[in-house]
Amino acid sequence: MVNCEHKSLRNYVKDFAENQKLDTPIYYDWDITALGRQGTINTPYLMSINRKGELAKYYSGALNLEAIQKTIDLALE
């Protein structure tokens, strides 16, 4: 997971991931470099890259736990 929130929200993001039992690594992109390389600057934006390096699924806009979990599951296939 790549988080692009402001640095001040880092603990909130970590707490959310722990509370939801998300064990996916979280990377931080505070200067929006990663999003820019993917051709988007809209947030929230969630994409799933599978083990082959292919885009499996993406969401743009408001996210809920179901969308996050489905995206993680697709990445793990």
Protein backbone atom coordinates (compact mmCIF):
# COMPACT_ATOMS: atom_id res chain seq x y z
CA MET A 1 0.00 0.00 0.00
CA VAL A 2 1.21 3.49 -0.80
CA ASN A 3 -0.19 6.26 1.35
CA CYS A 4 -0.14 9.85 0.10
CA GLU A 5 -1.69 11.53 3.11
CA HIS A 6 0.11 14.34 4.92
CA LYS A 7 2.96 13.23 7.19
CA SER A 8 0.93 14.28 10.23
CA LEU A 9 -1.54 11.44 9.52
CA ARG A 10 1.08 8.69 9.49
CA ASN A 11 0.08 7.36 12.93
CA TYR A 12 -3.60 7.42 11.96
CA VAL A 13 -2.84 5.33 8.85
CA LYS A 14 -0.74 2.87 10.85
CA ASP A 15 -3.45 2.55 13.52
CA PHE A 16 -6.12 2.00 10.85
CA ALA A 17 -4.08 -0.77 9.22
CA GLU A 18 -3.49 -2.45 12.58
CA ASN A 19 -7.14 -2.18 13.65
CA GLN A 20 -8.30 -3.66 10.34
CA LYS A 21 -5.62 -6.38 10.57
CA LEU A 22 -4.07 -5.36 7.25
CA ASP A 23 -0.63 -6.92 7.17
CA THR A 24 0.34 -5.44 3.80
CA PRO A 25 3.45 -3.24 3.82
CA ILE A 26 2.63 0.47 3.76
CA TYR A 27 4.85 2.89 1.86
CA TYR A 28 4.51 6.65 2.10
CA ASP A 29 4.51 8.97 -0.92
CA TRP A 30 4.26 12.41 0.63
CA ASP A 31 5.45 14.24 -2.48
CA ILE A 32 3.02 12.31 -4.79
CA THR A 33 5.85 10.89 -6.90
CA ALA A 34 4.37 7.38 -7.17
CA LEU A 35 0.93 8.63 -8.16
CA GLY A 36 2.43 10.88 -10.80
CA ARG A 37 4.33 7.97 -12.31
CA GLN A 38 1.07 6.01 -12.56
CA GLY A 39 -0.56 8.89 -14.44
CA THR A 40 -2.94 9.98 -11.71
CA ILE A 41 -2.99 12.59 -9.01
CA ASN A 42 -6.51 11.96 -7.68
CA THR A 43 -6.86 10.68 -4.15
CA PRO A 44 -8.01 8.44 -2.78
CA TYR A 45 -6.74 6.10 -5.44
CA LEU A 46 -6.19 2.42 -4.79
CA MET A 47 -4.58 0.05 -7.24
CA SER A 48 -3.63 -3.58 -7.06
CA ILE A 49 -0.50 -4.84 -8.80
CA ASN A 50 -0.38 -8.64 -8.98
CA ARG A 51 2.71 -10.81 -8.57
CA LYS A 52 3.37 -10.58 -12.31
CA GLY A 53 3.57 -6.78 -12.07
CA GLU A 54 0.25 -6.30 -13.88
CA LEU A 55 -2.52 -3.94 -12.84
CA ALA A 56 -5.22 -6.20 -11.40
CA LYS A 57 -7.77 -3.61 -10.21
CA TYR A 58 -8.04 0.05 -9.30
CA TYR A 59 -10.46 2.31 -7.48
CA SER A 60 -10.63 6.08 -7.52
CA GLY A 61 -12.72 7.98 -5.01
CA ALA A 62 -14.11 7.12 -1.61
CA LEU A 63 -12.98 3.72 -0.35
CA ASN A 64 -14.44 1.34 2.16
CA LEU A 65 -12.96 -1.70 3.86
CA GLU A 66 -14.56 -4.08 1.32
CA ALA A 67 -12.88 -2.31 -1.61
CA ILE A 68 -9.53 -2.30 0.18
CA GLN A 69 -9.77 -6.00 1.05
CA LYS A 70 -10.81 -6.98 -2.48
CA THR A 71 -7.89 -5.04 -3.91
CA ILE A 72 -5.44 -6.73 -1.54
CA ASP A 73 -6.89 -10.15 -2.38
CA LEU A 74 -6.44 -9.49 -6.11
CA ALA A 75 -2.81 -8.50 -5.55
CA LEU A 76 -2.16 -11.76 -3.75
CA GLU A 77 -3.57 -13.97 -6.52
